[in-house]
Amino acid sequence: MKRSMSRCALALAAAFALDAHAQQAPAPQGKGTVAADAMLHALEVHYPTPYYAMDAAEVKAVLDRVFDYLDKATPAEVIDQRTGAPITDLSTPDPNAVLKPGDFRLTSYEWGVTYTGMLAAGAATGDRRFTDYTIRRHRLLAGLTKTYLPLVQADREHAAAPIKSFLNPHALDDAGALCQSFIEAKLAGSPVDYTQMIDICGDFVTNKEYRLKDGTLARGGPDGQGGVKMRPLPDTLWLDDMFMGVPTIAWLGKATGDRKHYDDAARQVLQFSKRMFNPRLGIYMHGYVEGLRDHPEMHWARANGWAVMSMVEVLEVLPKDHKDYKAVLQQLRAHIKGLASYQTNDGFWHQLIDRDDTYQETSATAIYAYAIARAVNRGYVDAQAYGPMANLAWNAVASKVLPNGQIEGICVGTGMAFDPAFYAYRPTSVKAAHGYGPTLLAGAEIIAMNRRFKFGMNDSALMYQGVRE
């Protein structure tokens, strides 16, 4: 019996050896005339989006252009709104003080993402300019908070303050992404005193934002006058809020050590996903109204970006022994697998992911490049399967960065709807803030991924080629 099994094992080994040999490029069959079609598979291909893995220097060159533009377009200054004269003494309140106008607002949720992206770019490239960009503006916001918060607390309706939307937040957009940037900068060693700012935004996200009965963050709660807010309908979930609030809750767990924040963050991911994730398609709907029988599913790309970004941020700090860690990880993997099937030939994703008659959108593509590369770097998904896709997505985004650092193809701010026309005809603009932070994050993560793993051409395809030594 043992002899028979041994022969069987030898036969299997021989078969596997033959199979392995069959996977190699075939050797020439002999001398003589070569058929005209023998090497057609090796013809040069003209890809609209560059088809290779950028090295760190090439990625940084793109990030440098973005930095140069943003540093000029977002002055960290306060001026007198009547005269335009600089106000350098910020220790005394001035009712005429405003932030010096630039192309973007320093306290928008988009700029919360940009601050985090600048920190990531600084860490990936070693260029302090990126890091200092965030620290300088955080320091300004902290100083204004110290000076103007007492006034706003005393008269929330009438007090004048340069950053009132942050000091008196009314929505997750006013607080969540900024708060995450403050916490990450603090934990990374920033010298800014973040105490007051984290108290303001952390309290709003965890205690004051409206929630459904099961605790899920929602819009459309009481309006304070006996009615309900129409955002755009009562008890509405926006997929965007998986990012606008949930990562901040998780990072509060990291900053405070209080595990209740981890519990809340993981619960949010799973409860949003239960309502809004389509497991057959592998992507999320944008809007959900509690109690509505039917939900026409509009799979808006950037909202799906906020969702996948939320999950990689939560997993960054969620303890691996947490009871919901595996469930959140499984949801992330399901979403990335779903997104993979919709990437276009040019490396982008469409504005409505599953409708190829809508335009290819840059900010969502940048978020996916970041989240997928982060998932590869953390071992959440296989580098072999998803590394080439992340590189192609980054190359697509890089192709939209103009020589002056502005970024094309970014969808402007968008509400939610239950019809495709609303999304399909949203304008794009280089002044849409939503694409700049994700581009910085994507570039930083691609640098990290391509430093750790080698990707190169194998039989004309961009393939994983192992871990770099």
Protein backbone atom coordinates (compact mmCIF):
# COMPACT_ATOMS: atom_id res chain seq x y z
CA MET A 1 0.00 0.00 0.00
CA LYS A 2 2.80 2.41 0.90
CA ARG A 3 4.61 1.59 -2.35
CA SER A 4 1.41 2.31 -4.33
CA MET A 5 0.95 5.69 -2.61
CA SER A 6 4.58 6.53 -3.27
CA ARG A 7 4.14 5.91 -6.99
CA CYS A 8 1.02 8.06 -6.95
CA ALA A 9 2.90 10.89 -5.25
CA LEU A 10 5.70 10.64 -7.79
CA ALA A 11 3.20 10.79 -10.63
CA LEU A 12 1.55 13.88 -9.14
CA ALA A 13 4.92 15.54 -8.66
CA ALA A 14 5.81 14.87 -12.28
CA ALA A 15 2.48 16.27 -13.40
CA PHE A 16 3.00 19.45 -11.37
CA ALA A 17 6.49 19.80 -12.80
CA LEU A 18 5.11 19.59 -16.32
CA ASP A 19 2.39 22.11 -15.47
CA ALA A 20 4.94 24.55 -14.01
CA HIS A 21 7.03 24.21 -17.16
CA ALA A 22 3.94 24.89 -19.25
CA GLN A 23 3.49 28.26 -17.54
CA GLN A 24 6.87 29.46 -18.79
CA ALA A 25 7.34 31.12 -22.16
CA PRO A 26 7.74 28.35 -24.77
CA ALA A 27 11.20 27.76 -26.15
CA PRO A 28 11.79 28.26 -29.90
CA GLN A 29 10.64 25.21 -31.82
CA GLY A 30 13.50 25.27 -34.29
CA LYS A 31 15.34 27.23 -36.93
CA GLY A 32 13.85 28.59 -40.07
CA THR A 33 11.41 31.25 -41.23
CA VAL A 34 9.42 32.94 -38.44
CA ALA A 35 5.69 33.24 -38.98
CA ALA A 36 4.45 36.80 -39.52
CA ASP A 37 2.24 36.70 -36.40
CA ALA A 38 4.85 35.23 -34.04
CA MET A 39 5.63 38.44 -32.16
CA LEU A 40 2.45 40.48 -32.63
CA HIS A 41 1.65 40.16 -28.93
CA ALA A 42 4.78 42.24 -28.22
CA LEU A 43 3.80 45.17 -30.43
CA GLU A 44 4.04 48.55 -28.73
CA VAL A 45 0.74 49.63 -27.15
CA HIS A 46 -0.24 53.28 -26.91
CA TYR A 47 -2.10 53.57 -23.61
CA PRO A 48 -4.08 56.80 -23.01
CA THR A 49 -3.06 56.60 -19.33
CA PRO A 50 0.61 55.73 -18.70
CA TYR A 51 0.85 52.02 -18.00
CA TYR A 52 3.60 51.44 -15.46
CA ALA A 53 4.40 51.93 -11.77
CA MET A 54 5.74 55.41 -11.02
CA ASP A 55 8.76 55.68 -8.78
CA ALA A 56 8.85 57.99 -5.76
CA ALA A 57 10.50 60.87 -7.61
CA GLU A 58 7.85 60.86 -10.33
CA VAL A 59 5.01 60.81 -7.81
CA LYS A 60 6.60 63.57 -5.78
CA ALA A 61 6.91 65.74 -8.86
CA VAL A 62 3.11 65.57 -9.19
CA LEU A 63 2.61 66.27 -5.48
CA ASP A 64 5.00 69.22 -5.67
CA ARG A 65 2.84 70.88 -8.31
CA VAL A 66 -0.24 70.42 -6.16
CA PHE A 67 1.59 71.79 -3.13
CA ASP A 68 2.89 74.86 -4.94
CA TYR A 69 -0.61 75.74 -6.11
CA LEU A 70 -2.31 75.15 -2.76
CA ASP A 71 0.31 77.00 -0.75
CA LYS A 72 -0.35 80.10 -2.84
CA ALA A 73 -4.12 79.61 -3.12
CA THR A 74 -4.83 79.15 0.61
CA PRO A 75 -3.12 81.98 2.53
CA ALA A 76 -2.85 81.42 6.28
CA GLU A 77 -3.62 85.04 7.10
CA VAL A 78 -6.28 87.18 8.77
CA ILE A 79 -7.27 90.55 7.33
CA ASP A 80 -9.63 93.42 8.05
CA GLN A 81 -12.58 92.83 5.73
CA ARG A 82 -13.09 96.60 5.24
CA THR A 83 -9.55 97.56 4.30
CA GLY A 84 -7.85 94.30 3.38
CA ALA A 85 -5.02 95.17 5.79
CA PRO A 86 -3.36 92.23 7.59
CA ILE A 87 -4.28 91.62 11.23
CA THR A 88 -1.24 90.19 12.99
CA ASP A 89 -2.37 90.46 16.61
CA LEU A 90 -4.93 87.69 17.00
CA SER A 91 -5.10 87.81 20.79
CA THR A 92 -7.88 90.42 20.78
CA PRO A 93 -11.23 89.84 19.02
CA ASP A 94 -11.95 92.07 16.03
CA PRO A 95 -15.47 92.04 14.55
CA ASN A 96 -14.03 92.87 11.13
CA ALA A 97 -11.47 90.06 11.09
CA VAL A 98 -11.82 87.47 8.32
CA LEU A 99 -9.57 84.85 6.83
CA LYS A 100 -7.83 86.23 3.77
CA PRO A 101 -9.79 84.92 0.77
CA GLY A 102 -8.17 82.24 -1.35
CA ASP A 103 -9.38 79.57 -3.72
CA PHE A 104 -10.48 77.29 -0.85
CA ARG A 105 -11.78 77.58 2.72
CA LEU A 106 -9.43 76.62 5.54
CA THR A 107 -12.23 75.16 7.69
CA SER A 108 -14.19 73.09 5.17
CA TYR A 109 -14.41 69.31 5.41
CA GLU A 110 -12.52 69.12 2.13
CA TRP A 111 -9.67 70.96 3.78
CA GLY A 112 -9.73 68.59 6.72
CA VAL A 113 -8.90 65.90 4.15
CA THR A 114 -6.25 68.15 2.62
CA TYR A 115 -4.55 68.72 5.98
CA THR A 116 -4.39 64.96 6.49
CA GLY A 117 -3.12 64.54 2.92
CA MET A 118 -0.36 67.08 3.49
CA LEU A 119 0.75 65.21 6.61
CA ALA A 120 0.80 61.94 4.66
CA ALA A 121 2.75 63.51 1.80
CA GLY A 122 5.28 64.91 4.23
CA ALA A 123 5.76 61.52 5.86
CA ALA A 124 6.08 59.70 2.52
CA THR A 125 8.45 62.14 0.84
CA GLY A 126 10.41 63.51 3.80
CA ASP A 127 9.67 67.02 2.53
CA ARG A 128 8.82 69.22 5.52
CA ARG A 129 6.97 71.72 3.34
CA PHE A 130 3.94 69.43 3.25
CA THR A 131 3.94 68.88 7.00
CA ASP A 132 4.51 72.56 7.73
CA TYR A 133 1.60 73.51 5.48
CA THR A 134 -0.76 71.74 7.85
CA ILE A 135 0.94 72.82 11.07
CA ARG A 136 0.94 76.48 10.05
CA ARG A 137 -2.77 76.50 9.30
CA HIS A 138 -3.64 74.41 12.35
CA ARG A 139 -1.72 76.89 14.48
CA LEU A 140 -3.73 79.76 12.99
CA LEU A 141 -7.03 77.95 13.62
CA ALA A 142 -6.00 77.15 17.20
CA GLY A 143 -5.17 80.81 17.87
CA LEU A 144 -8.48 81.99 16.43
CA THR A 145 -10.33 79.38 18.48
CA LYS A 146 -8.73 80.61 21.69
CA THR A 147 -9.67 84.21 20.95
CA TYR A 148 -13.16 83.87 19.48
CA LEU A 149 -14.66 80.79 21.14
CA PRO A 150 -15.78 82.70 24.28
CA LEU A 151 -17.63 85.21 22.09
CA VAL A 152 -19.38 82.52 20.08
CA GLN A 153 -20.33 80.60 23.21
CA ALA A 154 -21.82 83.77 24.68
CA ASP A 155 -23.89 84.63 21.59
CA ARG A 156 -23.99 81.84 19.02
CA GLU A 157 -26.43 83.67 16.76
CA HIS A 158 -24.85 87.12 16.54
CA ALA A 159 -21.16 86.79 17.44
CA ALA A 160 -18.73 87.52 14.62
CA ALA A 161 -15.74 85.20 14.19
CA PRO A 162 -13.48 84.35 11.23
CA ILE A 163 -14.08 80.60 11.70
CA LYS A 164 -17.62 80.59 13.10
CA SER A 165 -18.77 77.52 11.15
CA PHE A 166 -16.20 75.50 13.06
CA LEU A 167 -16.73 77.19 16.45
CA ASN A 168 -20.49 76.67 16.17
CA PRO A 169 -20.91 73.55 14.00
CA HIS A 170 -24.31 72.61 12.60
CA ALA A 171 -23.39 69.51 10.58
CA LEU A 172 -20.75 66.82 10.32
CA ASP A 173 -19.32 68.75 7.38
CA ASP A 174 -18.33 71.51 9.81
CA ALA A 175 -16.44 69.28 12.21
CA GLY A 176 -15.64 65.68 11.33
CA ALA A 177 -12.84 65.74 8.75
CA LEU A 178 -11.18 68.70 10.48
CA CYS A 179 -11.26 66.83 13.76
CA GLN A 180 -9.56 63.80 12.25
CA SER A 181 -6.76 66.00 10.91
CA PHE A 182 -6.29 67.59 14.34
CA ILE A 183 -6.07 64.23 16.10
CA GLU A 184 -3.70 62.72 13.54
CA ALA A 185 -1.43 65.78 13.67
CA LYS A 186 -1.41 65.75 17.47
CA LEU A 187 -0.52 62.06 17.65
CA ALA A 188 2.20 62.62 15.05
CA GLY A 189 3.86 65.20 17.29
CA SER A 190 2.59 68.53 15.99
CA PRO A 191 3.49 71.36 18.42
CA VAL A 192 0.04 72.98 18.10
CA ASP A 193 -2.24 72.94 21.14
CA TYR A 194 -5.31 71.11 19.81
CA THR A 195 -7.20 70.80 23.11
CA GLN A 196 -9.98 73.30 22.44
CA MET A 197 -10.45 72.37 18.80
CA ILE A 198 -10.69 68.64 19.44
CA ASP A 199 -13.12 69.30 22.29
CA ILE A 200 -15.40 71.30 19.96
CA CYS A 201 -15.48 68.97 16.99
CA GLY A 202 -15.21 65.73 18.95
CA ASP A 203 -18.17 66.69 21.13
CA PHE A 204 -20.26 67.61 18.10
CA VAL A 205 -19.59 64.37 16.23
CA THR A 206 -20.09 62.07 19.20
CA ASN A 207 -22.84 63.84 21.13
CA LYS A 208 -24.66 66.47 19.07
CA GLU A 209 -25.08 65.25 15.49
CA TYR A 210 -28.51 63.74 14.87
CA ARG A 211 -28.79 59.95 14.91
CA LEU A 212 -31.41 57.33 14.15
CA LYS A 213 -32.86 55.28 17.00
CA ASP A 214 -30.14 52.65 16.60
CA GLY A 215 -27.44 55.31 16.85
CA THR A 216 -26.58 55.65 13.14
CA LEU A 217 -25.44 59.15 12.15
CA ALA A 218 -28.15 60.77 10.03
CA ARG A 219 -29.48 64.01 8.59
CA GLY A 220 -32.97 65.47 8.77
CA GLY A 221 -33.57 65.59 12.51
CA PRO A 222 -35.57 68.12 14.56
CA ASP A 223 -35.30 71.71 13.32
CA GLY A 224 -35.63 73.22 16.79
CA GLN A 225 -39.01 74.78 15.92
CA GLY A 226 -41.26 71.76 16.24
CA GLY A 227 -40.62 70.46 12.74
CA VAL A 228 -37.96 68.38 11.02
CA LYS A 229 -35.07 69.31 8.77
CA MET A 230 -35.40 68.29 5.14
CA ARG A 231 -31.87 67.11 4.28
CA PRO A 232 -33.32 66.36 1.80
CA LEU A 233 -35.89 64.20 3.65
CA PRO A 234 -36.34 63.32 7.34
CA ASP A 235 -34.17 60.52 8.74
CA THR A 236 -31.87 60.44 5.73
CA LEU A 237 -28.53 58.65 5.59
CA TRP A 238 -25.90 60.09 3.27
CA LEU A 239 -23.12 57.66 2.51
CA ASP A 240 -20.76 60.65 2.74
CA ASP A 241 -21.25 60.62 6.51
CA MET A 242 -19.47 57.30 6.82
CA PHE A 243 -16.40 59.49 6.36
CA MET A 244 -17.59 62.83 7.73
CA GLY A 245 -18.00 61.39 11.21
CA VAL A 246 -16.94 57.78 11.62
CA PRO A 247 -13.12 57.98 11.30
CA THR A 248 -13.10 60.85 13.80
CA ILE A 249 -14.97 58.68 16.28
CA ALA A 250 -12.41 55.90 15.80
CA TRP A 251 -9.47 58.29 16.13
CA LEU A 252 -10.99 59.65 19.34
CA GLY A 253 -10.68 56.11 20.65
CA LYS A 254 -6.98 56.19 19.78
CA ALA A 255 -6.47 59.64 21.32
CA THR A 256 -8.39 59.01 24.55
CA GLY A 257 -8.03 55.25 25.06
CA ASP A 258 -11.80 55.03 25.58
CA ARG A 259 -12.98 51.89 23.78
CA LYS A 260 -16.56 53.16 23.58
CA HIS A 261 -15.43 55.19 20.56
CA TYR A 262 -14.13 52.06 18.85
CA ASP A 263 -17.46 50.37 19.50
CA ASP A 264 -19.35 53.31 18.05
CA ALA A 265 -17.14 53.63 14.95
CA ALA A 266 -17.35 49.94 14.07
CA ARG A 267 -21.10 49.92 14.67
CA GLN A 268 -21.50 52.89 12.32
CA VAL A 269 -19.65 51.12 9.51
CA LEU A 270 -21.75 48.00 9.86
CA GLN A 271 -25.07 49.81 10.22
CA PHE A 272 -24.44 52.05 7.21
CA SER A 273 -23.39 48.97 5.24
CA LYS A 274 -26.44 46.94 6.25
CA ARG A 275 -28.73 49.62 4.86
CA MET A 276 -26.74 50.89 1.86
CA PHE A 277 -24.32 48.26 0.53
CA ASN A 278 -25.48 46.17 -2.43
CA PRO A 279 -23.62 42.84 -2.05
CA ARG A 280 -24.53 41.74 -5.57
CA LEU A 281 -22.91 44.81 -7.15
CA GLY A 282 -20.24 45.28 -4.50
CA ILE A 283 -20.93 49.03 -4.17
CA TYR A 284 -23.05 51.38 -2.06
CA MET A 285 -26.09 53.50 -2.85
CA HIS A 286 -25.67 57.18 -2.05
CA GLY A 287 -28.88 57.98 -0.17
CA TYR A 288 -31.15 56.04 2.17
CA VAL A 289 -34.31 57.23 3.93
CA GLU A 290 -35.37 55.34 7.04
CA GLY A 291 -38.88 53.92 6.60
CA LEU A 292 -38.96 54.32 2.82
CA ARG A 293 -40.09 51.11 1.14
CA ASP A 294 -38.07 51.42 -2.07
CA HIS A 295 -34.70 53.07 -2.65
CA PRO A 296 -33.69 53.75 -6.26
CA GLU A 297 -29.96 53.09 -6.05
CA MET A 298 -27.70 55.85 -7.30
CA HIS A 299 -24.13 54.60 -6.94
CA TRP A 300 -22.32 57.93 -6.82
CA ALA A 301 -18.57 57.50 -7.11
CA ARG A 302 -17.31 60.02 -4.56
CA ALA A 303 -19.73 58.81 -1.90
CA ASN A 304 -18.39 55.30 -2.43
CA GLY A 305 -14.97 56.87 -2.03
CA TRP A 306 -15.92 58.34 1.33
CA ALA A 307 -17.16 54.90 2.39
CA VAL A 308 -14.03 52.95 1.41
CA MET A 309 -11.85 55.70 2.86
CA SER A 310 -13.78 55.54 6.11
CA MET A 311 -13.11 51.83 6.46
CA VAL A 312 -9.35 52.05 5.92
CA GLU A 313 -9.20 54.92 8.43
CA VAL A 314 -11.21 53.01 11.03
CA LEU A 315 -9.06 49.89 10.58
CA GLU A 316 -5.95 52.02 11.02
CA VAL A 317 -6.79 52.47 14.72
CA LEU A 318 -9.39 49.81 15.55
CA PRO A 319 -7.73 47.21 17.80
CA LYS A 320 -7.40 43.85 16.07
CA ASP A 321 -8.93 42.16 19.10
CA HIS A 322 -12.09 44.26 18.81
CA LYS A 323 -15.18 42.13 18.34
CA ASP A 324 -16.10 43.88 15.08
CA TYR A 325 -12.63 44.14 13.56
CA LYS A 326 -13.08 41.13 11.27
CA ALA A 327 -16.54 42.30 10.18
CA VAL A 328 -15.24 45.75 9.21
CA LEU A 329 -12.30 44.17 7.39
CA GLN A 330 -14.61 41.79 5.54
CA GLN A 331 -16.80 44.73 4.48
CA LEU A 332 -13.77 46.63 3.21
CA ARG A 333 -12.64 43.64 1.16
CA ALA A 334 -16.11 43.21 -0.32
CA HIS A 335 -16.23 46.86 -1.31
CA ILE A 336 -12.77 46.90 -2.89
CA LYS A 337 -13.60 43.74 -4.83
CA GLY A 338 -16.76 45.40 -6.08
CA LEU A 339 -15.01 48.61 -7.06
CA ALA A 340 -12.38 46.65 -8.98
CA SER A 341 -14.94 45.45 -11.50
CA TYR A 342 -15.87 49.00 -12.52
CA GLN A 343 -12.46 50.58 -13.19
CA THR A 344 -12.36 51.94 -16.74
CA ASN A 345 -9.76 51.22 -19.39
CA ASP A 346 -8.17 54.57 -18.62
CA GLY A 347 -7.87 53.86 -14.89
CA PHE A 348 -10.78 56.02 -13.69
CA TRP A 349 -14.22 55.33 -12.30
CA HIS A 350 -17.39 56.88 -13.66
CA GLN A 351 -19.39 59.56 -11.84
CA LEU A 352 -22.15 56.98 -11.41
CA ILE A 353 -19.98 53.91 -10.98
CA ASP A 354 -22.13 51.44 -12.87
CA ARG A 355 -23.22 53.82 -15.66
CA ASP A 356 -20.57 54.22 -18.32
CA ASP A 357 -22.57 57.01 -19.98
CA THR A 358 -21.48 59.31 -17.12
CA TYR A 359 -18.11 61.03 -17.07
CA GLN A 360 -14.90 59.72 -15.54
CA GLU A 361 -14.42 61.52 -12.24
CA THR A 362 -11.10 62.44 -10.66
CA SER A 363 -11.75 62.84 -6.93
CA ALA A 364 -13.35 59.42 -6.55
CA THR A 365 -10.53 57.83 -8.54
CA ALA A 366 -8.01 59.50 -6.23
CA ILE A 367 -9.82 58.22 -3.14
CA TYR A 368 -9.92 54.69 -4.55
CA ALA A 369 -6.23 54.85 -5.44
CA TYR A 370 -5.49 55.87 -1.86
CA ALA A 371 -7.77 53.35 -0.16
CA ILE A 372 -6.76 50.39 -2.35
CA ALA A 373 -3.05 51.17 -1.99
CA ARG A 374 -3.49 51.54 1.78
CA ALA A 375 -5.30 48.20 1.87
CA VAL A 376 -2.40 46.62 -0.05
CA ASN A 377 0.17 48.21 2.26
CA ARG A 378 -1.63 46.98 5.37
CA GLY A 379 -2.18 43.47 4.02
CA TYR A 380 -5.97 43.77 3.93
CA VAL A 381 -6.00 42.73 0.26
CA ASP A 382 -3.47 40.99 -1.97
CA ALA A 383 -0.77 43.10 -3.58
CA GLN A 384 -0.75 40.73 -6.56
CA ALA A 385 -4.40 41.40 -7.34
CA TYR A 386 -4.82 45.05 -6.43
CA GLY A 387 -1.41 46.73 -6.68
CA PRO A 388 -1.52 47.13 -10.49
CA MET A 389 -5.04 48.56 -10.26
CA ALA A 390 -3.97 51.13 -7.66
CA ASN A 391 -1.02 52.16 -9.82
CA LEU A 392 -3.24 52.60 -12.86
CA ALA A 393 -5.70 54.67 -10.80
CA TRP A 394 -2.88 56.90 -9.55
CA ASN A 395 -1.55 57.39 -13.08
CA ALA A 396 -5.05 58.40 -14.15
CA VAL A 397 -5.26 61.00 -11.38
CA ALA A 398 -1.75 62.27 -12.12
CA SER A 399 -2.79 62.85 -15.74
CA LYS A 400 -5.37 65.36 -14.48
CA VAL A 401 -2.88 67.45 -12.50
CA LEU A 402 -2.11 70.49 -14.62
CA PRO A 403 1.34 72.12 -14.81
CA ASN A 404 0.13 74.84 -12.41
CA GLY A 405 -0.99 72.24 -9.83
CA GLN A 406 -4.72 72.55 -10.37
CA ILE A 407 -6.64 69.31 -10.85
CA GLU A 408 -9.20 68.74 -13.59
CA GLY A 409 -12.27 66.53 -13.63
CA ILE A 410 -13.40 67.03 -10.02
CA CYS A 411 -17.16 66.96 -9.46
CA VAL A 412 -18.39 70.01 -7.55
CA GLY A 413 -20.25 69.71 -4.25
CA THR A 414 -23.19 67.38 -4.59
CA GLY A 415 -26.35 66.67 -2.60
CA MET A 416 -28.27 63.42 -2.94
CA ALA A 417 -31.05 62.37 -5.28
CA PHE A 418 -32.95 59.35 -6.53
CA ASP A 419 -32.50 59.99 -10.27
CA PRO A 420 -29.45 59.67 -12.54
CA ALA A 421 -29.69 63.07 -14.26
CA PHE A 422 -28.82 64.90 -11.05
CA TYR A 423 -25.45 63.13 -10.80
CA ALA A 424 -24.68 62.79 -14.49
CA TYR A 425 -24.83 66.52 -15.13
CA ARG A 426 -23.06 67.81 -12.04
CA PRO A 427 -20.34 70.21 -13.25
CA THR A 428 -16.62 69.70 -12.74
CA SER A 429 -14.17 72.42 -11.75
CA VAL A 430 -10.53 72.90 -10.85
CA LYS A 431 -11.90 74.95 -7.93
CA ALA A 432 -13.81 71.95 -6.50
CA ALA A 433 -11.93 71.35 -3.26
CA HIS A 434 -12.86 67.68 -2.97
CA GLY A 435 -10.04 66.33 -5.14
CA TYR A 436 -6.95 67.92 -3.64
CA GLY A 437 -6.69 66.10 -0.32
CA PRO A 438 -7.41 62.71 -1.91
CA THR A 439 -4.72 63.33 -4.54
CA LEU A 440 -2.16 64.05 -1.82
CA LEU A 441 -3.23 60.95 0.10
CA ALA A 442 -3.14 58.78 -3.01
CA GLY A 443 0.33 59.94 -4.03
CA ALA A 444 1.70 59.36 -0.54
CA GLU A 445 0.25 55.84 -0.35
CA ILE A 446 1.44 54.94 -3.86
CA ILE A 447 4.97 55.99 -2.89
CA ALA A 448 4.77 53.70 0.14
CA MET A 449 3.34 50.81 -1.89
CA ASN A 450 5.87 51.01 -4.72
CA ARG A 451 8.74 51.26 -2.25
CA ARG A 452 7.60 48.08 -0.53
CA PHE A 453 6.49 46.05 -3.55
CA LYS A 454 7.92 45.84 -7.04
CA PHE A 455 5.58 46.08 -10.01
CA GLY A 456 6.87 45.65 -13.54
CA MET A 457 6.06 44.33 -16.99
CA ASN A 458 5.58 40.61 -17.46
CA ASP A 459 4.51 39.47 -20.91
CA SER A 460 3.26 43.04 -21.59
CA ALA A 461 1.15 43.27 -18.41
CA LEU A 462 1.87 45.33 -15.29
CA MET A 463 2.32 42.66 -12.62
CA TYR A 464 3.43 42.22 -9.03
CA GLN A 465 7.07 41.12 -8.91
CA GLY A 466 7.68 40.60 -5.22
CA VAL A 467 8.67 42.43 -2.05
CA ARG A 468 11.61 44.78 -2.34
CA GLU A 469 14.60 43.97 -0.16
